[in-house]
């Protein structure tokens, strides 16, 4: 019963967001697998850079990240997840080529084993 409520609530929120603004916000999700040789300091720096980017690029509503703690063991060696929320598609599209995003990618690149990027409208 709770799941049904959550799905209905999510769909209601989704519709209300569009009705009120005429645009959907965008959730930008990154699943990150760091290289084995990436130090704890390197990883902490990359995550701090994600936190800081919301103050450098207009249109980023929020950034949050977390470390996998699932007991299921199905994370396929992806250890971290970053959620970025953009005010709309235009903000996400402006972020992709933004110089600050390029700086973030340059810092992350040497310690990155793999990444999955997944976006959806909210």
PDB file of N, CA and C in Angstrom:
ATOM      1  N   UNK A   1       0.815  -1.192   0.000  1.00  0.00           N
ATOM      2  CA  UNK A   1       0.000   0.000   0.000  1.00  0.00           C
ATOM      3  C   UNK A   1       0.863   1.262   0.000  1.00  0.00           C
ATOM      4  N   UNK A   2       1.943   1.244   0.753  1.00  0.00           N
ATOM      5  CA  UNK A   2       2.824   2.407   0.800  1.00  0.00           C
ATOM      6  C   UNK A   2       3.450   2.643  -0.567  1.00  0.00           C
ATOM      7  N   UNK A   3       3.852   1.580  -1.254  1.00  0.00           N
ATOM      8  CA  UNK A   3       4.442   1.734  -2.588  1.00  0.00           C
ATOM      9  C   UNK A   3       3.475   2.410  -3.549  1.00  0.00           C
ATOM     10  N   UNK A   4       2.219   1.993  -3.501  1.00  0.00           N
ATOM     11  CA  UNK A   4       1.221   2.591  -4.382  1.00  0.00           C
ATOM     12  C   UNK A   4       1.104   4.077  -4.087  1.00  0.00           C
ATOM     13  N   UNK A   5       1.069   4.431  -2.816  1.00  0.00           N
ATOM     14  CA  UNK A   5       0.998   5.840  -2.436  1.00  0.00           C
ATOM     15  C   UNK A   5       2.200   6.600  -2.963  1.00  0.00           C
ATOM     16  N   UNK A   6       3.391   6.022  -2.819  1.00  0.00           N
ATOM     17  CA  UNK A   6       4.597   6.708  -3.270  1.00  0.00           C
ATOM     18  C   UNK A   6       4.594   6.917  -4.777  1.00  0.00           C
ATOM     19  N   UNK A   7       4.150   5.930  -5.524  1.00  0.00           N
ATOM     20  CA  UNK A   7       4.092   6.062  -6.980  1.00  0.00           C
ATOM     21  C   UNK A   7       3.076   7.128  -7.365  1.00  0.00           C
ATOM     22  N   UNK A   8       1.894   7.082  -6.765  1.00  0.00           N
ATOM     23  CA  UNK A   8       0.869   8.082  -7.062  1.00  0.00           C
ATOM     24  C   UNK A   8       1.366   9.462  -6.663  1.00  0.00           C
ATOM     25  N   UNK A   9       1.997   9.566  -5.503  1.00  0.00           N
ATOM     26  CA  UNK A   9       2.516  10.856  -5.041  1.00  0.00           C
ATOM     27  C   UNK A   9       3.591  11.376  -5.998  1.00  0.00           C
ATOM     28  N   UNK A  10       4.487  10.503  -6.433  1.00  0.00           N
ATOM     29  CA  UNK A  10       5.545  10.922  -7.356  1.00  0.00           C
ATOM     30  C   UNK A  10       4.946  11.406  -8.673  1.00  0.00           C
ATOM     31  N   UNK A  11       3.956  10.679  -9.190  1.00  0.00           N
ATOM     32  CA  UNK A  11       3.320  11.101 -10.433  1.00  0.00           C
ATOM     33  C   UNK A  11       2.575  12.416 -10.242  1.00  0.00           C
ATOM     34  N   UNK A  12       1.949  12.602  -9.085  1.00  0.00           N
ATOM     35  CA  UNK A  12       1.262  13.860  -8.791  1.00  0.00           C
ATOM     36  C   UNK A  12       2.263  15.013  -8.742  1.00  0.00           C
ATOM     37  N   UNK A  13       3.373  14.822  -8.032  1.00  0.00           N
ATOM     38  CA  UNK A  13       4.407  15.857  -7.946  1.00  0.00           C
ATOM     39  C   UNK A  13       4.958  16.191  -9.328  1.00  0.00           C
ATOM     40  N   UNK A  14       5.180  15.150 -10.135  1.00  0.00           N
ATOM     41  CA  UNK A  14       5.693  15.317 -11.491  1.00  0.00           C
ATOM     42  C   UNK A  14       4.737  16.190 -12.301  1.00  0.00           C
ATOM     43  N   UNK A  15       3.454  15.874 -12.242  1.00  0.00           N
ATOM     44  CA  UNK A  15       2.453  16.633 -12.994  1.00  0.00           C
ATOM     45  C   UNK A  15       2.337  18.059 -12.465  1.00  0.00           C
ATOM     46  N   UNK A  16       2.356  18.223 -11.152  1.00  0.00           N
ATOM     47  CA  UNK A  16       2.235  19.560 -10.567  1.00  0.00           C
ATOM     48  C   UNK A  16       3.410  20.442 -10.957  1.00  0.00           C
ATOM     49  N   UNK A  17       4.599  19.875 -11.003  1.00  0.00           N
ATOM     50  CA  UNK A  17       5.779  20.640 -11.412  1.00  0.00           C
ATOM     51  C   UNK A  17       5.581  21.196 -12.817  1.00  0.00           C
ATOM     52  N   UNK A  18       5.080  20.369 -13.710  1.00  0.00           N
ATOM     53  CA  UNK A  18       4.866  20.814 -15.083  1.00  0.00           C
ATOM     54  C   UNK A  18       3.735  21.834 -15.167  1.00  0.00           C
ATOM     55  N   UNK A  19       2.652  21.583 -14.459  1.00  0.00           N
ATOM     56  CA  UNK A  19       1.503  22.492 -14.498  1.00  0.00           C
ATOM     57  C   UNK A  19       1.895  23.872 -13.984  1.00  0.00           C
ATOM     58  N   UNK A  20       2.662  23.917 -12.910  1.00  0.00           N
ATOM     59  CA  UNK A  20       3.021  25.194 -12.299  1.00  0.00           C
ATOM     60  C   UNK A  20       4.030  25.981 -13.129  1.00  0.00           C
ATOM     61  N   UNK A  21       4.942  25.310 -13.779  1.00  0.00           N
ATOM     62  CA  UNK A  21       6.031  26.018 -14.453  1.00  0.00           C
ATOM     63  C   UNK A  21       6.034  25.863 -15.965  1.00  0.00           C
ATOM     64  N   UNK A  22       5.375  24.842 -16.469  1.00  0.00           N
ATOM     65  CA  UNK A  22       5.409  24.576 -17.898  1.00  0.00           C
ATOM     66  C   UNK A  22       6.668  23.848 -18.341  1.00  0.00           C
ATOM     67  N   UNK A  23       7.555  23.554 -17.395  1.00  0.00           N
ATOM     68  CA  UNK A  23       8.781  22.813 -17.705  1.00  0.00           C
ATOM     69  C   UNK A  23       9.025  21.773 -16.616  1.00  0.00           C
ATOM     70  N   UNK A  24       9.762  20.760 -16.972  1.00  0.00           N
ATOM     71  CA  UNK A  24      10.152  19.742 -16.012  1.00  0.00           C
ATOM     72  C   UNK A  24      11.564  20.019 -15.521  1.00  0.00           C
ATOM     73  N   UNK A  25      11.786  19.748 -14.259  1.00  0.00           N
ATOM     74  CA  UNK A  25      13.154  19.758 -13.750  1.00  0.00           C
ATOM     75  C   UNK A  25      13.823  18.478 -14.247  1.00  0.00           C
ATOM     76  N   UNK A  26      15.142  18.457 -14.233  1.00  0.00           N
ATOM     77  CA  UNK A  26      15.896  17.294 -14.704  1.00  0.00           C
ATOM     78  C   UNK A  26      16.764  16.764 -13.571  1.00  0.00           C
ATOM     79  N   UNK A  27      16.678  15.458 -13.344  1.00  0.00           N
ATOM     80  CA  UNK A  27      17.561  14.789 -12.392  1.00  0.00           C
ATOM     81  C   UNK A  27      18.666  14.132 -13.210  1.00  0.00           C
ATOM     82  N   UNK A  28      19.892  14.456 -12.870  1.00  0.00           N
ATOM     83  CA  UNK A  28      21.105  13.971 -13.550  1.00  0.00           C
ATOM     84  C   UNK A  28      21.798  13.050 -12.549  1.00  0.00           C
ATOM     85  N   UNK A  29      21.835  11.763 -12.857  1.00  0.00           N
ATOM     86  CA  UNK A  29      22.341  10.760 -11.923  1.00  0.00           C
ATOM     87  C   UNK A  29      23.639  10.175 -12.463  1.00  0.00           C
ATOM     88  N   UNK A  30      24.645  10.125 -11.618  1.00  0.00           N
ATOM     89  CA  UNK A  30      25.938   9.550 -11.977  1.00  0.00           C
ATOM     90  C   UNK A  30      26.234   8.381 -11.046  1.00  0.00           C
ATOM     91  N   UNK A  31      26.531   7.236 -11.614  1.00  0.00           N
ATOM     92  CA  UNK A  31      27.024   6.099 -10.839  1.00  0.00           C
ATOM     93  C   UNK A  31      28.511   6.009 -11.132  1.00  0.00           C
ATOM     94  N   UNK A  32      29.323   6.091 -10.101  1.00  0.00           N
ATOM     95  CA  UNK A  32      30.765   6.242 -10.271  1.00  0.00           C
ATOM     96  C   UNK A  32      31.511   5.032  -9.731  1.00  0.00           C
ATOM     97  N   UNK A  33      32.464   4.567 -10.534  1.00  0.00           N
ATOM     98  CA  UNK A  33      33.398   3.515 -10.124  1.00  0.00           C
ATOM     99  C   UNK A  33      34.799   4.127 -10.203  1.00  0.00           C
ATOM    100  N   UNK A  34      35.414   4.306  -9.051  1.00  0.00           N
ATOM    101  CA  UNK A  34      36.761   4.870  -9.010  1.00  0.00           C
ATOM    102  C   UNK A  34      37.798   3.782  -9.257  1.00  0.00           C
ATOM    103  N   UNK A  35      38.949   4.182  -9.778  1.00  0.00           N
ATOM    104  CA  UNK A  35      40.052   3.248  -9.963  1.00  0.00           C
ATOM    105  C   UNK A  35      40.545   2.765  -8.602  1.00  0.00           C
ATOM    106  N   UNK A  36      41.079   1.551  -8.578  1.00  0.00           N
ATOM    107  CA  UNK A  36      41.595   0.991  -7.322  1.00  0.00           C
ATOM    108  C   UNK A  36      42.662   1.872  -6.701  1.00  0.00           C
ATOM    109  N   UNK A  37      43.485   2.504  -7.536  1.00  0.00           N
ATOM    110  CA  UNK A  37      44.576   3.323  -7.009  1.00  0.00           C
ATOM    111  C   UNK A  37      44.133   4.726  -6.598  1.00  0.00           C
ATOM    112  N   UNK A  38      42.862   5.070  -6.777  1.00  0.00           N
ATOM    113  CA  UNK A  38      42.376   6.388  -6.345  1.00  0.00           C
ATOM    114  C   UNK A  38      42.451   6.465  -4.825  1.00  0.00           C
ATOM    115  N   UNK A  39      43.094   7.500  -4.331  1.00  0.00           N
ATOM    116  CA  UNK A  39      43.236   7.651  -2.878  1.00  0.00           C
ATOM    117  C   UNK A  39      41.946   8.200  -2.275  1.00  0.00           C
ATOM    118  N   UNK A  40      41.815   8.023  -0.981  1.00  0.00           N
ATOM    119  CA  UNK A  40      40.661   8.573  -0.269  1.00  0.00           C
ATOM    120  C   UNK A  40      40.611  10.088  -0.431  1.00  0.00           C
ATOM    121  N   UNK A  41      41.770  10.728  -0.456  1.00  0.00           N
ATOM    122  CA  UNK A  41      41.834  12.181  -0.645  1.00  0.00           C
ATOM    123  C   UNK A  41      41.347  12.566  -2.035  1.00  0.00           C
ATOM    124  N   UNK A  42      41.763  11.814  -3.059  1.00  0.00           N
ATOM    125  CA  UNK A  42      41.308  12.080  -4.431  1.00  0.00           C
ATOM    126  C   UNK A  42      39.787  11.972  -4.539  1.00  0.00           C
ATOM    127  N   UNK A  43      39.251  10.928  -3.941  1.00  0.00           N
ATOM    128  CA  UNK A  43      37.803  10.705  -3.993  1.00  0.00           C
ATOM    129  C   UNK A  43      37.072  11.818  -3.246  1.00  0.00           C
ATOM    130  N   UNK A  44      37.557  12.160  -2.062  1.00  0.00           N
ATOM    131  CA  UNK A  44      36.933  13.237  -1.282  1.00  0.00           C
ATOM    132  C   UNK A  44      36.977  14.561  -2.043  1.00  0.00           C
ATOM    133  N   UNK A  45      38.083  14.820  -2.714  1.00  0.00           N
ATOM    134  CA  UNK A  45      38.205  16.049  -3.507  1.00  0.00           C
ATOM    135  C   UNK A  45      37.199  16.058  -4.649  1.00  0.00           C
ATOM    136  N   UNK A  46      37.051  14.932  -5.334  1.00  0.00           N
ATOM    137  CA  UNK A  46      36.106  14.888  -6.453  1.00  0.00           C
ATOM    138  C   UNK A  46      34.678  15.107  -5.965  1.00  0.00           C
ATOM    139  N   UNK A  47      34.330  14.542  -4.827  1.00  0.00           N
ATOM    140  CA  UNK A  47      32.983  14.726  -4.292  1.00  0.00           C
ATOM    141  C   UNK A  47      32.765  16.160  -3.812  1.00  0.00           C
ATOM    142  N   UNK A  48      33.795  16.758  -3.226  1.00  0.00           N
ATOM    143  CA  UNK A  48      33.708  18.173  -2.826  1.00  0.00           C
ATOM    144  C   UNK A  48      33.531  19.061  -4.052  1.00  0.00           C
ATOM    145  N   UNK A  49      34.174  18.691  -5.154  1.00  0.00           N
ATOM    146  CA  UNK A  49      34.022  19.458  -6.395  1.00  0.00           C
ATOM    147  C   UNK A  49      32.592  19.379  -6.929  1.00  0.00           C
ATOM    148  N   UNK A  50      31.964  18.209  -6.785  1.00  0.00           N
ATOM    149  CA  UNK A  50      30.551  18.100  -7.166  1.00  0.00           C
ATOM    150  C   UNK A  50      29.704  19.016  -6.288  1.00  0.00           C
ATOM    151  N   UNK A  51      29.956  18.997  -4.978  1.00  0.00           N
ATOM    152  CA  UNK A  51      29.207  19.874  -4.068  1.00  0.00           C
ATOM    153  C   UNK A  51      29.364  21.339  -4.453  1.00  0.00           C
ATOM    154  N   UNK A  52      30.571  21.736  -4.815  1.00  0.00           N
ATOM    155  CA  UNK A  52      30.875  23.146  -5.091  1.00  0.00           C
ATOM    156  C   UNK A  52      30.325  23.629  -6.428  1.00  0.00           C
ATOM    157  N   UNK A  53      30.091  22.721  -7.362  1.00  0.00           N
ATOM    158  CA  UNK A  53      29.718  23.153  -8.712  1.00  0.00           C
ATOM    159  C   UNK A  53      28.359  23.845  -8.755  1.00  0.00           C
ATOM    160  N   UNK A  54      27.489  23.522  -7.803  1.00  0.00           N
ATOM    161  CA  UNK A  54      26.168  24.164  -7.816  1.00  0.00           C
ATOM    162  C   UNK A  54      26.254  25.671  -7.593  1.00  0.00           C
ATOM    163  N   UNK A  55      27.339  26.124  -6.973  1.00  0.00           N
ATOM    164  CA  UNK A  55      27.536  27.561  -6.763  1.00  0.00           C
ATOM    165  C   UNK A  55      28.280  28.222  -7.920  1.00  0.00           C
ATOM    166  N   UNK A  56      28.697  27.427  -8.889  1.00  0.00           N
ATOM    167  CA  UNK A  56      29.473  27.946 -10.014  1.00  0.00           C
ATOM    168  C   UNK A  56      28.696  27.994 -11.325  1.00  0.00           C
ATOM    169  N   UNK A  57      27.623  27.223 -11.409  1.00  0.00           N
ATOM    170  CA  UNK A  57      26.852  27.130 -12.652  1.00  0.00           C
ATOM    171  C   UNK A  57      25.383  27.394 -12.346  1.00  0.00           C
ATOM    172  N   UNK A  58      24.814  28.359 -13.029  1.00  0.00           N
ATOM    173  CA  UNK A  58      23.393  28.670 -12.848  1.00  0.00           C
ATOM    174  C   UNK A  58      22.532  27.494 -13.293  1.00  0.00           C
ATOM    175  N   UNK A  59      21.417  27.332 -12.607  1.00  0.00           N
ATOM    176  CA  UNK A  59      20.442  26.327 -13.001  1.00  0.00           C
ATOM    177  C   UNK A  59      20.576  25.000 -12.289  1.00  0.00           C
ATOM    178  N   UNK A  60      21.604  24.844 -11.451  1.00  0.00           N
ATOM    179  CA  UNK A  60      21.718  23.622 -10.656  1.00  0.00           C
ATOM    180  C   UNK A  60      20.983  23.878  -9.348  1.00  0.00           C
ATOM    181  N   UNK A  61      19.884  23.178  -9.164  1.00  0.00           N
ATOM    182  CA  UNK A  61      19.045  23.336  -7.980  1.00  0.00           C
ATOM    183  C   UNK A  61      19.684  22.688  -6.752  1.00  0.00           C
ATOM    184  N   UNK A  62      20.239  21.494  -6.937  1.00  0.00           N
ATOM    185  CA  UNK A  62      20.841  20.795  -5.802  1.00  0.00           C
ATOM    186  C   UNK A  62      21.807  19.723  -6.288  1.00  0.00           C
ATOM    187  N   UNK A  63      22.710  19.356  -5.382  1.00  0.00           N
ATOM    188  CA  UNK A  63      23.654  18.259  -5.612  1.00  0.00           C
ATOM    189  C   UNK A  63      23.712  17.448  -4.324  1.00  0.00           C
ATOM    190  N   UNK A  64      23.621  16.154  -4.459  1.00  0.00           N
ATOM    191  CA  UNK A  64      23.854  15.282  -3.309  1.00  0.00           C
ATOM    192  C   UNK A  64      24.575  14.042  -3.794  1.00  0.00           C
ATOM    193  N   UNK A  65      25.292  13.412  -2.909  1.00  0.00           N
ATOM    194  CA  UNK A  65      26.018  12.208  -3.284  1.00  0.00           C
ATOM    195  C   UNK A  65      25.985  11.240  -2.109  1.00  0.00           C
ATOM    196  N   UNK A  66      26.272   9.990  -2.410  1.00  0.00           N
ATOM    197  CA  UNK A  66      26.307   8.982  -1.365  1.00  0.00           C
ATOM    198  C   UNK A  66      27.201   7.825  -1.752  1.00  0.00           C
ATOM    199  N   UNK A  67      27.577   7.087  -0.748  1.00  0.00           N
ATOM    200  CA  UNK A  67      28.409   5.891  -0.883  1.00  0.00           C
ATOM    201  C   UNK A  67      27.494   4.673  -0.811  1.00  0.00           C
ATOM    202  N   UNK A  68      27.664   3.735  -1.722  1.00  0.00           N
ATOM    203  CA  UNK A  68      26.831   2.541  -1.725  1.00  0.00           C
ATOM    204  C   UNK A  68      26.942   1.808  -0.388  1.00  0.00           C
ATOM    205  N   UNK A  69      25.803   1.451   0.178  1.00  0.00           N
ATOM    206  CA  UNK A  69      25.814   0.619   1.381  1.00  0.00           C
ATOM    207  C   UNK A  69      24.785  -0.506   1.290  1.00  0.00           C
ATOM    208  N   UNK A  70      24.428  -0.859   0.064  1.00  0.00           N
ATOM    209  CA  UNK A  70      23.447  -1.915  -0.139  1.00  0.00           C
ATOM    210  C   UNK A  70      24.026  -3.272   0.243  1.00  0.00           C
ATOM    211  N   UNK A  71      23.280  -4.072   0.997  1.00  0.00           N
ATOM    212  CA  UNK A  71      23.742  -5.417   1.338  1.00  0.00           C
ATOM    213  C   UNK A  71      23.530  -6.421   0.207  1.00  0.00           C
ATOM    214  N   UNK A  72      22.889  -6.001  -0.887  1.00  0.00           N
ATOM    215  CA  UNK A  72      22.557  -6.930  -1.969  1.00  0.00           C
ATOM    216  C   UNK A  72      23.741  -7.306  -2.843  1.00  0.00           C
ATOM    217  N   UNK A  73      24.785  -6.483  -2.846  1.00  0.00           N
ATOM    218  CA  UNK A  73      25.967  -6.799  -3.637  1.00  0.00           C
ATOM    219  C   UNK A  73      25.743  -6.729  -5.140  1.00  0.00           C
ATOM    220  N   UNK A  74      24.836  -5.881  -5.582  1.00  0.00           N
ATOM    221  CA  UNK A  74      24.531  -5.799  -7.014  1.00  0.00           C
ATOM    222  C   UNK A  74      24.955  -4.466  -7.614  1.00  0.00           C
ATOM    223  N   UNK A  75      25.865  -3.776  -6.976  1.00  0.00           N
ATOM    224  CA  UNK A  75      26.307  -2.461  -7.440  1.00  0.00           C
ATOM    225  C   UNK A  75      27.343  -2.531  -8.555  1.00  0.00           C
ATOM    226  N   UNK A  76      27.799  -3.734  -8.896  1.00  0.00           N
ATOM    227  CA  UNK A  76      28.747  -3.940  -9.995  1.00  0.00           C
ATOM    228  C   UNK A  76      29.976  -3.040  -9.878  1.00  0.00           C
ATOM    229  N   UNK A  77      30.462  -2.900  -8.664  1.00  0.00           N
ATOM    230  CA  UNK A  77      31.681  -2.144  -8.342  1.00  0.00           C
ATOM    231  C   UNK A  77      31.522  -0.631  -8.459  1.00  0.00           C
ATOM    232  N   UNK A  78      30.302  -0.152  -8.660  1.00  0.00           N
ATOM    233  CA  UNK A  78      30.053   1.289  -8.586  1.00  0.00           C
ATOM    234  C   UNK A  78      29.877   1.615  -7.110  1.00  0.00           C
ATOM    235  N   UNK A  79      30.714   2.495  -6.608  1.00  0.00           N
ATOM    236  CA  UNK A  79      30.751   2.746  -5.171  1.00  0.00           C
ATOM    237  C   UNK A  79      30.052   4.030  -4.754  1.00  0.00           C
ATOM    238  N   UNK A  80      29.924   4.979  -5.665  1.00  0.00           N
ATOM    239  CA  UNK A  80      29.362   6.286  -5.339  1.00  0.00           C
ATOM    240  C   UNK A  80      28.278   6.660  -6.342  1.00  0.00           C
ATOM    241  N   UNK A  81      27.355   7.474  -5.875  1.00  0.00           N
ATOM    242  CA  UNK A  81      26.289   7.986  -6.723  1.00  0.00           C
ATOM    243  C   UNK A  81      26.168   9.484  -6.469  1.00  0.00           C
ATOM    244  N   UNK A  82      26.023  10.256  -7.529  1.00  0.00           N
ATOM    245  CA  UNK A  82      25.811  11.698  -7.425  1.00  0.00           C
ATOM    246  C   UNK A  82      24.473  12.015  -8.088  1.00  0.00           C
ATOM    247  N   UNK A  83      23.640  12.777  -7.384  1.00  0.00           N
ATOM    248  CA  UNK A  83      22.372  13.258  -7.919  1.00  0.00           C
ATOM    249  C   UNK A  83      22.472  14.766  -8.074  1.00  0.00           C
ATOM    250  N   UNK A  84      22.241  15.244  -9.276  1.00  0.00           N
ATOM    251  CA  UNK A  84      22.192  16.681  -9.528  1.00  0.00           C
ATOM    252  C   UNK A  84      20.799  16.990 -10.065  1.00  0.00           C
ATOM    253  N   UNK A  85      20.199  18.043  -9.550  1.00  0.00           N
ATOM    254  CA  UNK A  85      18.887  18.462 -10.022  1.00  0.00           C
ATOM    255  C   UNK A  85      19.029  19.808 -10.711  1.00  0.00           C
ATOM    256  N   UNK A  86      18.571  19.853 -11.953  1.00  0.00           N
ATOM    257  CA  UNK A  86      18.609  21.072 -12.757  1.00  0.00           C
ATOM    258  C   UNK A  86      17.209  21.665 -12.832  1.00  0.00           C
ATOM    259  N   UNK A  87      17.133  22.984 -12.908  1.00  0.00           N
ATOM    260  CA  UNK A  87      15.824  23.647 -12.940  1.00  0.00           C
ATOM    261  C   UNK A  87      15.037  23.310 -14.200  1.00  0.00           C
ATOM    262  N   UNK A  88      15.738  22.957 -15.278  1.00  0.00           N
ATOM    263  CA  UNK A  88      15.070  22.561 -16.513  1.00  0.00           C
ATOM    264  C   UNK A  88      16.099  21.943 -17.466  1.00  0.00           C
ATOM    265  N   UNK A  89      15.618  21.498 -18.606  1.00  0.00           N
ATOM    266  CA  UNK A  89      16.512  20.881 -19.589  1.00  0.00           C
ATOM    267  C   UNK A  89      17.557  21.856 -20.102  1.00  0.00           C
ATOM    268  N   UNK A  90      17.174  23.106 -20.266  1.00  0.00           N
ATOM    269  CA  UNK A  90      18.120  24.109 -20.765  1.00  0.00           C
ATOM    270  C   UNK A  90      19.296  24.267 -19.807  1.00  0.00           C
ATOM    271  N   UNK A  91      19.024  24.217 -18.508  1.00  0.00           N
ATOM    272  CA  UNK A  91      20.105  24.328 -17.518  1.00  0.00           C
ATOM    273  C   UNK A  91      21.034  23.118 -17.601  1.00  0.00           C
ATOM    274  N   UNK A  92      20.447  21.928 -17.758  1.00  0.00           N
ATOM    275  CA  UNK A  92      21.268  20.719 -17.914  1.00  0.00           C
ATOM    276  C   UNK A  92      22.099  20.804 -19.188  1.00  0.00           C
ATOM    277  N   UNK A  93      21.474  21.254 -20.264  1.00  0.00           N
ATOM    278  CA  UNK A  93      22.170  21.346 -21.541  1.00  0.00           C
ATOM    279  C   UNK A  93      23.292  22.384 -21.501  1.00  0.00           C
ATOM    280  N   UNK A  94      23.102  23.453 -20.724  1.00  0.00           N
ATOM    281  CA  UNK A  94      24.155  24.469 -20.575  1.00  0.00           C
ATOM    282  C   UNK A  94      25.293  23.958 -19.698  1.00  0.00           C
ATOM    283  N   UNK A  95      24.980  23.090 -18.757  1.00  0.00           N
ATOM    284  CA  UNK A  95      25.981  22.506 -17.851  1.00  0.00           C
ATOM    285  C   UNK A  95      26.978  21.618 -18.602  1.00  0.00           C
ATOM    286  N   UNK A  96      26.482  20.841 -19.544  1.00  0.00           N
ATOM    287  CA  UNK A  96      27.321  19.835 -20.205  1.00  0.00           C
ATOM    288  C   UNK A  96      28.589  20.439 -20.822  1.00  0.00           C
ATOM    289  N   UNK A  97      28.522  21.532 -21.599  1.00  0.00           N
ATOM    290  CA  UNK A  97      29.762  22.095 -22.163  1.00  0.00           C
ATOM    291  C   UNK A  97      30.392  23.196 -21.300  1.00  0.00           C
ATOM    292  N   UNK A  98      29.819  23.467 -20.134  1.00  0.00           N
ATOM    293  CA  UNK A  98      30.287  24.576 -19.298  1.00  0.00           C
ATOM    294  C   UNK A  98      31.750  24.374 -18.880  1.00  0.00           C
ATOM    295  N   UNK A  99      32.563  25.427 -18.881  1.00  0.00           N
ATOM    296  CA  UNK A  99      33.980  25.310 -18.486  1.00  0.00           C
ATOM    297  C   UNK A  99      34.182  24.721 -17.087  1.00  0.00           C
ATOM    298  N   UNK A 100      33.291  25.020 -16.148  1.00  0.00           N
ATOM    299  CA  UNK A 100      33.428  24.448 -14.797  1.00  0.00           C
ATOM    300  C   UNK A 100      33.167  22.944 -14.802  1.00  0.00           C
ATOM    301  N   UNK A 101      32.276  22.487 -15.676  1.00  0.00           N
ATOM    302  CA  UNK A 101      32.041  21.051 -15.822  1.00  0.00           C
ATOM    303  C   UNK A 101      33.273  20.381 -16.426  1.00  0.00           C
ATOM    304  N   UNK A 102      33.910  21.066 -17.371  1.00  0.00           N
ATOM    305  CA  UNK A 102      35.141  20.534 -17.974  1.00  0.00           C
ATOM    306  C   UNK A 102      36.250  20.412 -16.922  1.00  0.00           C
ATOM    307  N   UNK A 103      36.339  21.381 -16.010  1.00  0.00           N
ATOM    308  CA  UNK A 103      37.320  21.310 -14.914  1.00  0.00           C
ATOM    309  C   UNK A 103      37.015  20.101 -14.031  1.00  0.00           C
ATOM    310  N   UNK A 104      35.749  19.911 -13.709  1.00  0.00           N
ATOM    311  CA  UNK A 104      35.333  18.773 -12.887  1.00  0.00           C
ATOM    312  C   UNK A 104      35.689  17.454 -13.565  1.00  0.00           C
ATOM    313  N   UNK A 105      35.413  17.350 -14.855  1.00  0.00           N
ATOM    314  CA  UNK A 105      35.736  16.123 -15.592  1.00  0.00           C
ATOM    315  C   UNK A 105      37.244  15.886 -15.653  1.00  0.00           C
ATOM    316  N   UNK A 106      38.016  16.949 -15.803  1.00  0.00           N
ATOM    317  CA  UNK A 106      39.477  16.809 -15.860  1.00  0.00           C
ATOM    318  C   UNK A 106      40.032  16.301 -14.535  1.00  0.00           C
ATOM    319  N   UNK A 107      39.459  16.745 -13.431  1.00  0.00           N
ATOM    320  CA  UNK A 107      39.902  16.277 -12.117  1.00  0.00           C
ATOM    321  C   UNK A 107      39.475  14.831 -11.897  1.00  0.00           C
ATOM    322  N   UNK A 108      38.283  14.497 -12.326  1.00  0.00           N
ATOM    323  CA  UNK A 108      37.740  13.165 -12.101  1.00  0.00           C
ATOM    324  C   UNK A 108      38.379  12.118 -13.018  1.00  0.00           C
ATOM    325  N   UNK A 109      38.697  12.504 -14.236  1.00  0.00           N
ATOM    326  CA  UNK A 109      39.182  11.564 -15.247  1.00  0.00           C
ATOM    327  C   UNK A 109      40.289  10.618 -14.814  1.00  0.00           C
ATOM    328  N   UNK A 110      41.376  11.115 -14.220  1.00  0.00           N
ATOM    329  CA  UNK A 110      42.484  10.229 -13.861  1.00  0.00           C
ATOM    330  C   UNK A 110      42.155   9.189 -12.784  1.00  0.00           C
ATOM    331  N   UNK A 111      41.101   9.424 -12.010  1.00  0.00           N
ATOM    332  CA  UNK A 111      40.768   8.478 -10.938  1.00  0.00           C
ATOM    333  C   UNK A 111      39.495   7.689 -11.245  1.00  0.00           C
ATOM    334  N   UNK A 112      38.938   7.906 -12.428  1.00  0.00           N
ATOM    335  CA  UNK A 112      37.678   7.283 -12.812  1.00  0.00           C
ATOM    336  C   UNK A 112      37.913   5.989 -13.582  1.00  0.00           C
ATOM    337  N   UNK A 113      37.347   4.913 -13.081  1.00  0.00           N
ATOM    338  CA  UNK A 113      37.376   3.634 -13.795  1.00  0.00           C
ATOM    339  C   UNK A 113      36.211   3.573 -14.785  1.00  0.00           C
ATOM    340  N   UNK A 114      35.011   3.950 -14.315  1.00  0.00           N
ATOM    341  CA  UNK A 114      33.831   3.912 -15.169  1.00  0.00           C
ATOM    342  C   UNK A 114      32.755   4.813 -14.566  1.00  0.00           C
ATOM    343  N   UNK A 115      31.824   5.217 -15.412  1.00  0.00           N
ATOM    344  CA  UNK A 115      30.719   6.060 -14.957  1.00  0.00           C
ATOM    345  C   UNK A 115      29.489   5.747 -15.794  1.00  0.00           C
ATOM    346  N   UNK A 116      28.341   5.774 -15.150  1.00  0.00           N
ATOM    347  CA  UNK A 116      27.052   5.678 -15.833  1.00  0.00           C
ATOM    348  C   UNK A 116      26.346   7.002 -15.586  1.00  0.00           C
ATOM    349  N   UNK A 117      25.831   7.594 -16.653  1.00  0.00           N
ATOM    350  CA  UNK A 117      25.084   8.851 -16.546  1.00  0.00           C
ATOM    351  C   UNK A 117      23.657   8.570 -16.991  1.00  0.00           C
ATOM    352  N   UNK A 118      22.707   8.996 -16.165  1.00  0.00           N
ATOM    353  CA  UNK A 118      21.293   8.723 -16.434  1.00  0.00           C
ATOM    354  C   UNK A 118      20.502   9.962 -16.047  1.00  0.00           C
ATOM    355  N   UNK A 119      19.737  10.512 -16.974  1.00  0.00           N
ATOM    356  CA  UNK A 119      18.926  11.697 -16.709  1.00  0.00           C
ATOM    357  C   UNK A 119      17.448  11.353 -16.862  1.00  0.00           C
ATOM    358  N   UNK A 120      16.615  12.026 -16.056  1.00  0.00           N
ATOM    359  CA  UNK A 120      15.176  11.867 -16.214  1.00  0.00           C
ATOM    360  C   UNK A 120      14.471  13.133 -15.749  1.00  0.00           C
ATOM    361  N   UNK A 121      13.271  13.342 -16.247  1.00  0.00           N
ATOM    362  CA  UNK A 121      12.479  14.512 -15.875  1.00  0.00           C
ATOM    363  C   UNK A 121      11.767  14.255 -14.555  1.00  0.00           C
ATOM    364  N   UNK A 122      11.705  15.308 -13.733  1.00  0.00           N
ATOM    365  CA  UNK A 122      10.964  15.197 -12.469  1.00  0.00           C
ATOM    366  C   UNK A 122       9.951  16.329 -12.380  1.00  0.00           C
TER     367      UNK A 122
END
